[in-house]
Amino acid sequence: QMNSLKPEDTAIYYCAADAGRFCGRY
């Protein structure tokens, strides 16, 4: 969910799934 969108948010958005990684900065 993307709110308060800005021109700098313009991009192609991709999702990626991985079973071997934890969610975080890495």
PDB file of all heavy atoms in Angstrom:
ATOM      1  N   GLN A   1       0.863  -1.180   0.000  1.00  0.00           N
ATOM      2  CA  GLN A   1       0.000   0.000   0.000  1.00  0.00           C
ATOM      3  C   GLN A   1       0.897   1.228   0.000  1.00  0.00           C
ATOM      4  O   GLN A   1       1.721   1.402   0.904  1.00  0.00           O
ATOM      5  CB  GLN A   1      -0.910   0.012   1.226  1.00  0.00           C
ATOM      6  CG  GLN A   1      -1.792   1.242   1.332  1.00  0.00           C
ATOM      7  CD  GLN A   1      -2.843   1.309   0.227  1.00  0.00           C
ATOM      8  OE1 GLN A   1      -3.474   0.305  -0.097  1.00  0.00           O
ATOM      9  NE2 GLN A   1      -3.024   2.498  -0.340  1.00  0.00           N
ATOM     10  N   MET A   2       0.733   2.062  -1.005  1.00  0.00           N
ATOM     11  CA  MET A   2       1.590   3.235  -1.153  1.00  0.00           C
ATOM     12  C   MET A   2       0.728   4.485  -1.048  1.00  0.00           C
ATOM     13  O   MET A   2      -0.151   4.707  -1.895  1.00  0.00           O
ATOM     14  CB  MET A   2       2.312   3.198  -2.505  1.00  0.00           C
ATOM     15  CG  MET A   2       3.097   1.911  -2.741  1.00  0.00           C
ATOM     16  SD  MET A   2       4.115   1.961  -4.219  1.00  0.00           S
ATOM     17  CE  MET A   2       2.862   2.127  -5.480  1.00  0.00           C
ATOM     18  N   ASN A   3       0.980   5.262  -0.027  1.00  0.00           N
ATOM     19  CA  ASN A   3       0.248   6.515   0.197  1.00  0.00           C
ATOM     20  C   ASN A   3       1.190   7.702   0.076  1.00  0.00           C
ATOM     21  O   ASN A   3       2.407   7.543   0.113  1.00  0.00           O
ATOM     22  CB  ASN A   3      -0.390   6.504   1.580  1.00  0.00           C
ATOM     23  CG  ASN A   3      -1.405   5.394   1.766  1.00  0.00           C
ATOM     24  OD1 ASN A   3      -2.074   4.969   0.808  1.00  0.00           O
ATOM     25  ND2 ASN A   3      -1.534   4.902   2.983  1.00  0.00           N
ATOM     26  N   SER A   4       0.605   8.882  -0.037  1.00  0.00           N
ATOM     27  CA  SER A   4       1.392  10.121  -0.125  1.00  0.00           C
ATOM     28  C   SER A   4       2.500   9.998  -1.165  1.00  0.00           C
ATOM     29  O   SER A   4       3.655  10.347  -0.911  1.00  0.00           O
ATOM     30  CB  SER A   4       1.986  10.469   1.246  1.00  0.00           C
ATOM     31  OG  SER A   4       0.979  10.591   2.220  1.00  0.00           O
ATOM     32  N   LEU A   5       2.139   9.519  -2.316  1.00  0.00           N
ATOM     33  CA  LEU A   5       3.135   9.271  -3.349  1.00  0.00           C
ATOM     34  C   LEU A   5       3.775  10.559  -3.845  1.00  0.00           C
ATOM     35  O   LEU A   5       3.132  11.619  -3.914  1.00  0.00           O
ATOM     36  CB  LEU A   5       2.502   8.512  -4.511  1.00  0.00           C
ATOM     37  CG  LEU A   5       2.298   7.017  -4.228  1.00  0.00           C
ATOM     38  CD1 LEU A   5       1.288   6.407  -5.178  1.00  0.00           C
ATOM     39  CD2 LEU A   5       3.629   6.275  -4.319  1.00  0.00           C
ATOM     40  N   LYS A   6       5.053  10.444  -4.180  1.00  0.00           N
ATOM     41  CA  LYS A   6       5.845  11.574  -4.643  1.00  0.00           C
ATOM     42  C   LYS A   6       6.378  11.269  -6.046  1.00  0.00           C
ATOM     43  O   LYS A   6       6.534  10.100  -6.415  1.00  0.00           O
ATOM     44  CB  LYS A   6       7.028  11.792  -3.701  1.00  0.00           C
ATOM     45  CG  LYS A   6       6.658  11.982  -2.245  1.00  0.00           C
ATOM     46  CD  LYS A   6       7.901  12.065  -1.376  1.00  0.00           C
ATOM     47  CE  LYS A   6       7.553  12.215   0.090  1.00  0.00           C
ATOM     48  NZ  LYS A   6       8.759  12.289   0.950  1.00  0.00           N
ATOM     49  N   PRO A   7       6.704  12.280  -6.811  1.00  0.00           N
ATOM     50  CA  PRO A   7       7.287  12.032  -8.139  1.00  0.00           C
ATOM     51  C   PRO A   7       8.524  11.135  -8.087  1.00  0.00           C
ATOM     52  O   PRO A   7       8.741  10.339  -9.009  1.00  0.00           O
ATOM     53  CB  PRO A   7       7.622  13.440  -8.627  1.00  0.00           C
ATOM     54  CG  PRO A   7       6.617  14.316  -7.951  1.00  0.00           C
ATOM     55  CD  PRO A   7       6.433  13.701  -6.588  1.00  0.00           C
ATOM     56  N   GLU A   8       9.294  11.234  -7.036  1.00  0.00           N
ATOM     57  CA  GLU A   8      10.499  10.394  -6.931  1.00  0.00           C
ATOM     58  C   GLU A   8      10.188   8.924  -6.650  1.00  0.00           C
ATOM     59  O   GLU A   8      11.099   8.093  -6.649  1.00  0.00           O
ATOM     60  CB  GLU A   8      11.454  10.941  -5.859  1.00  0.00           C
ATOM     61  CG  GLU A   8      10.821  11.201  -4.511  1.00  0.00           C
ATOM     62  CD  GLU A   8      10.421  12.656  -4.335  1.00  0.00           C
ATOM     63  OE1 GLU A   8       9.880  13.261  -5.289  1.00  0.00           O
ATOM     64  OE2 GLU A   8      10.656  13.190  -3.224  1.00  0.00           O
ATOM     65  N   ASP A   9       8.921   8.598  -6.429  1.00  0.00           N
ATOM     66  CA  ASP A   9       8.519   7.195  -6.311  1.00  0.00           C
ATOM     67  C   ASP A   9       8.305   6.546  -7.675  1.00  0.00           C
ATOM     68  O   ASP A   9       8.075   5.337  -7.753  1.00  0.00           O
ATOM     69  CB  ASP A   9       7.233   7.076  -5.488  1.00  0.00           C
ATOM     70  CG  ASP A   9       7.413   7.488  -4.041  1.00  0.00           C
ATOM     71  OD1 ASP A   9       8.454   7.135  -3.443  1.00  0.00           O
ATOM     72  OD2 ASP A   9       6.524   8.170  -3.503  1.00  0.00           O
ATOM     73  N   THR A  10       8.362   7.333  -8.718  1.00  0.00           N
ATOM     74  CA  THR A  10       8.177   6.797 -10.062  1.00  0.00           C
ATOM     75  C   THR A  10       9.266   5.783 -10.383  1.00  0.00           C
ATOM     76  O   THR A  10      10.459   6.075 -10.263  1.00  0.00           O
ATOM     77  CB  THR A  10       8.217   7.937 -11.097  1.00  0.00           C
ATOM     78  OG1 THR A  10       7.102   8.802 -10.882  1.00  0.00           O
ATOM     79  CG2 THR A  10       8.154   7.384 -12.520  1.00  0.00           C
ATOM     80  N   ALA A  11       8.861   4.576 -10.759  1.00  0.00           N
ATOM     81  CA  ALA A  11       9.802   3.490 -11.037  1.00  0.00           C
ATOM     82  C   ALA A  11       9.012   2.265 -11.495  1.00  0.00           C
ATOM     83  O   ALA A  11       7.785   2.244 -11.444  1.00  0.00           O
ATOM     84  CB  ALA A  11      10.605   3.141  -9.790  1.00  0.00           C
ATOM     85  N   ILE A  12       9.754   1.263 -11.917  1.00  0.00           N
ATOM     86  CA  ILE A  12       9.165  -0.059 -12.104  1.00  0.00           C
ATOM     87  C   ILE A  12       9.324  -0.801 -10.776  1.00  0.00           C
ATOM     88  O   ILE A  12      10.432  -0.847 -10.222  1.00  0.00           O
ATOM     89  CB  ILE A  12       9.832  -0.837 -13.240  1.00  0.00           C
ATOM     90  CG1 ILE A  12       9.718  -0.071 -14.555  1.00  0.00           C
ATOM     91  CG2 ILE A  12       9.202  -2.222 -13.372  1.00  0.00           C
ATOM     92  CD1 ILE A  12      10.495  -0.689 -15.688  1.00  0.00           C
ATOM     93  N   TYR A  13       8.223  -1.341 -10.290  1.00  0.00           N
ATOM     94  CA  TYR A  13       8.225  -2.024  -8.999  1.00  0.00           C
ATOM     95  C   TYR A  13       8.188  -3.540  -9.220  1.00  0.00           C
ATOM     96  O   TYR A  13       7.363  -4.048  -9.996  1.00  0.00           O
ATOM     97  CB  TYR A  13       7.028  -1.583  -8.160  1.00  0.00           C
ATOM     98  CG  TYR A  13       7.221  -0.222  -7.550  1.00  0.00           C
ATOM     99  CD1 TYR A  13       7.226   0.928  -8.344  1.00  0.00           C
ATOM    100  CD2 TYR A  13       7.429  -0.067  -6.182  1.00  0.00           C
ATOM    101  CE1 TYR A  13       7.436   2.180  -7.799  1.00  0.00           C
ATOM    102  CE2 TYR A  13       7.627   1.186  -5.624  1.00  0.00           C
ATOM    103  CZ  TYR A  13       7.633   2.299  -6.437  1.00  0.00           C
ATOM    104  OH  TYR A  13       7.846   3.542  -5.882  1.00  0.00           O
ATOM    105  N   TYR A  14       9.080  -4.219  -8.525  1.00  0.00           N
ATOM    106  CA  TYR A  14       9.204  -5.671  -8.623  1.00  0.00           C
ATOM    107  C   TYR A  14       9.026  -6.301  -7.244  1.00  0.00           C
ATOM    108  O   TYR A  14       9.430  -5.712  -6.239  1.00  0.00           O
ATOM    109  CB  TYR A  14      10.592  -6.065  -9.132  1.00  0.00           C
ATOM    110  CG  TYR A  14      10.972  -5.515 -10.477  1.00  0.00           C
ATOM    111  CD1 TYR A  14      11.587  -4.277 -10.601  1.00  0.00           C
ATOM    112  CD2 TYR A  14      10.747  -6.249 -11.640  1.00  0.00           C
ATOM    113  CE1 TYR A  14      11.956  -3.771 -11.836  1.00  0.00           C
ATOM    114  CE2 TYR A  14      11.117  -5.759 -12.885  1.00  0.00           C
ATOM    115  CZ  TYR A  14      11.715  -4.523 -12.975  1.00  0.00           C
ATOM    116  OH  TYR A  14      12.084  -4.033 -14.201  1.00  0.00           O
ATOM    117  N   CYS A  15       8.482  -7.505  -7.218  1.00  0.00           N
ATOM    118  CA  CYS A  15       8.504  -8.266  -5.979  1.00  0.00           C
ATOM    119  C   CYS A  15       9.429  -9.467  -6.169  1.00  0.00           C
ATOM    120  O   CYS A  15       9.631  -9.949  -7.288  1.00  0.00           O
ATOM    121  CB  CYS A  15       7.115  -8.710  -5.555  1.00  0.00           C
ATOM    122  SG  CYS A  15       6.231  -9.785  -6.690  1.00  0.00           S
ATOM    123  N   ALA A  16       9.982  -9.896  -5.064  1.00  0.00           N
ATOM    124  CA  ALA A  16      10.896 -11.039  -5.065  1.00  0.00           C
ATOM    125  C   ALA A  16      10.615 -11.892  -3.849  1.00  0.00           C
ATOM    126  O   ALA A  16      10.375 -11.366  -2.758  1.00  0.00           O
ATOM    127  CB  ALA A  16      12.347 -10.573  -5.057  1.00  0.00           C
ATOM    128  N   ALA A  17      10.662 -13.192  -4.037  1.00  0.00           N
ATOM    129  CA  ALA A  17      10.405 -14.136  -2.946  1.00  0.00           C
ATOM    130  C   ALA A  17      11.614 -15.037  -2.770  1.00  0.00           C
ATOM    131  O   ALA A  17      12.204 -15.507  -3.756  1.00  0.00           O
ATOM    132  CB  ALA A  17       9.171 -14.971  -3.247  1.00  0.00           C
ATOM    133  N   ASP A  18      11.972 -15.255  -1.527  1.00  0.00           N
ATOM    134  CA  ASP A  18      13.084 -16.144  -1.240  1.00  0.00           C
ATOM    135  C   ASP A  18      12.820 -16.871   0.065  1.00  0.00           C
ATOM    136  O   ASP A  18      12.485 -16.246   1.067  1.00  0.00           O
ATOM    137  CB  ASP A  18      14.394 -15.343  -1.154  1.00  0.00           C
ATOM    138  CG  ASP A  18      15.601 -16.247  -1.221  1.00  0.00           C
ATOM    139  OD1 ASP A  18      15.980 -16.801  -0.178  1.00  0.00           O
ATOM    140  OD2 ASP A  18      16.142 -16.415  -2.331  1.00  0.00           O
ATOM    141  N   ALA A  19      13.007 -18.177   0.032  1.00  0.00           N
ATOM    142  CA  ALA A  19      12.711 -18.986   1.217  1.00  0.00           C
ATOM    143  C   ALA A  19      13.877 -19.065   2.185  1.00  0.00           C
ATOM    144  O   ALA A  19      13.711 -19.522   3.308  1.00  0.00           O
ATOM    145  CB  ALA A  19      12.294 -20.390   0.781  1.00  0.00           C
ATOM    146  N   GLY A  20      15.038 -18.608   1.752  1.00  0.00           N
ATOM    147  CA  GLY A  20      16.220 -18.786   2.574  1.00  0.00           C
ATOM    148  C   GLY A  20      16.736 -17.531   3.264  1.00  0.00           C
ATOM    149  O   GLY A  20      17.799 -17.567   3.873  1.00  0.00           O
ATOM    150  N   ARG A  21      15.999 -16.442   3.164  1.00  0.00           N
ATOM    151  CA  ARG A  21      16.475 -15.185   3.742  1.00  0.00           C
ATOM    152  C   ARG A  21      15.479 -14.642   4.759  1.00  0.00           C
ATOM    153  O   ARG A  21      14.281 -14.830   4.622  1.00  0.00           O
ATOM    154  CB  ARG A  21      16.658 -14.122   2.656  1.00  0.00           C
ATOM    155  CG  ARG A  21      17.575 -14.524   1.523  1.00  0.00           C
ATOM    156  CD  ARG A  21      17.669 -13.420   0.490  1.00  0.00           C
ATOM    157  NE  ARG A  21      18.301 -13.912  -0.728  1.00  0.00           N
ATOM    158  CZ  ARG A  21      19.281 -13.285  -1.357  1.00  0.00           C
ATOM    159  NH1 ARG A  21      19.765 -12.156  -0.873  1.00  0.00           N
ATOM    160  NH2 ARG A  21      19.790 -13.787  -2.468  1.00  0.00           N
ATOM    161  N   PHE A  22      15.995 -13.931   5.729  1.00  0.00           N
ATOM    162  CA  PHE A  22      15.150 -13.234   6.672  1.00  0.00           C
ATOM    163  C   PHE A  22      14.867 -11.823   6.164  1.00  0.00           C
ATOM    164  O   PHE A  22      15.673 -11.235   5.446  1.00  0.00           O
ATOM    165  CB  PHE A  22      15.826 -13.159   8.042  1.00  0.00           C
ATOM    166  CG  PHE A  22      16.012 -14.490   8.690  1.00  0.00           C
ATOM    167  CD1 PHE A  22      17.261 -15.073   8.767  1.00  0.00           C
ATOM    168  CD2 PHE A  22      14.931 -15.164   9.233  1.00  0.00           C
ATOM    169  CE1 PHE A  22      17.445 -16.301   9.363  1.00  0.00           C
ATOM    170  CE2 PHE A  22      15.087 -16.403   9.829  1.00  0.00           C
ATOM    171  CZ  PHE A  22      16.351 -16.977   9.888  1.00  0.00           C
ATOM    172  N   CYS A  23      13.741 -11.295   6.564  1.00  0.00           N
ATOM    173  CA  CYS A  23      13.399  -9.920   6.191  1.00  0.00           C
ATOM    174  C   CYS A  23      14.239  -8.956   6.999  1.00  0.00           C
ATOM    175  O   CYS A  23      14.283  -9.022   8.221  1.00  0.00           O
ATOM    176  CB  CYS A  23      11.910  -9.673   6.437  1.00  0.00           C
ATOM    177  SG  CYS A  23      11.421  -7.955   6.230  1.00  0.00           S
ATOM    178  N   GLY A  24      14.891  -8.050   6.306  1.00  0.00           N
ATOM    179  CA  GLY A  24      15.710  -7.053   6.988  1.00  0.00           C
ATOM    180  C   GLY A  24      16.540  -6.293   5.984  1.00  0.00           C
ATOM    181  O   GLY A  24      16.326  -6.385   4.776  1.00  0.00           O
ATOM    182  N   ARG A  25      17.513  -5.543   6.481  1.00  0.00           N
ATOM    183  CA  ARG A  25      18.323  -4.694   5.619  1.00  0.00           C
ATOM    184  C   ARG A  25      19.062  -5.511   4.549  1.00  0.00           C
ATOM    185  O   ARG A  25      19.195  -5.083   3.410  1.00  0.00           O
ATOM    186  CB  ARG A  25      19.324  -3.932   6.481  1.00  0.00           C
ATOM    187  CG  ARG A  25      20.062  -2.845   5.767  1.00  0.00           C
ATOM    188  CD  ARG A  25      20.877  -2.042   6.746  1.00  0.00           C
ATOM    189  NE  ARG A  25      20.032  -1.434   7.762  1.00  0.00           N
ATOM    190  CZ  ARG A  25      20.502  -0.736   8.786  1.00  0.00           C
ATOM    191  NH1 ARG A  25      21.792  -0.573   8.942  1.00  0.00           N
ATOM    192  NH2 ARG A  25      19.679  -0.211   9.663  1.00  0.00           N
ATOM    193  N   TYR A  26      19.546  -6.690   4.916  1.00  0.00           N
ATOM    194  CA  TYR A  26      20.290  -7.503   3.950  1.00  0.00           C
ATOM    195  C   TYR A  26      19.382  -7.970   2.823  1.00  0.00           C
ATOM    196  O   TYR A  26      19.790  -7.989   1.660  1.00  0.00           O
ATOM    197  CB  TYR A  26      20.940  -8.703   4.630  1.00  0.00           C
ATOM    198  CG  TYR A  26      21.729  -9.547   3.657  1.00  0.00           C
ATOM    199  CD1 TYR A  26      22.987  -9.125   3.214  1.00  0.00           C
ATOM    200  CD2 TYR A  26      21.223 -10.728   3.146  1.00  0.00           C
ATOM    201  CE1 TYR A  26      23.710  -9.872   2.307  1.00  0.00           C
ATOM    202  CE2 TYR A  26      21.939 -11.489   2.236  1.00  0.00           C
ATOM    203  CZ  TYR A  26      23.180 -11.055   1.830  1.00  0.00           C
ATOM    204  OH  TYR A  26      23.887 -11.791   0.920  1.00  0.00           O
TER     205      TYR A  26
END
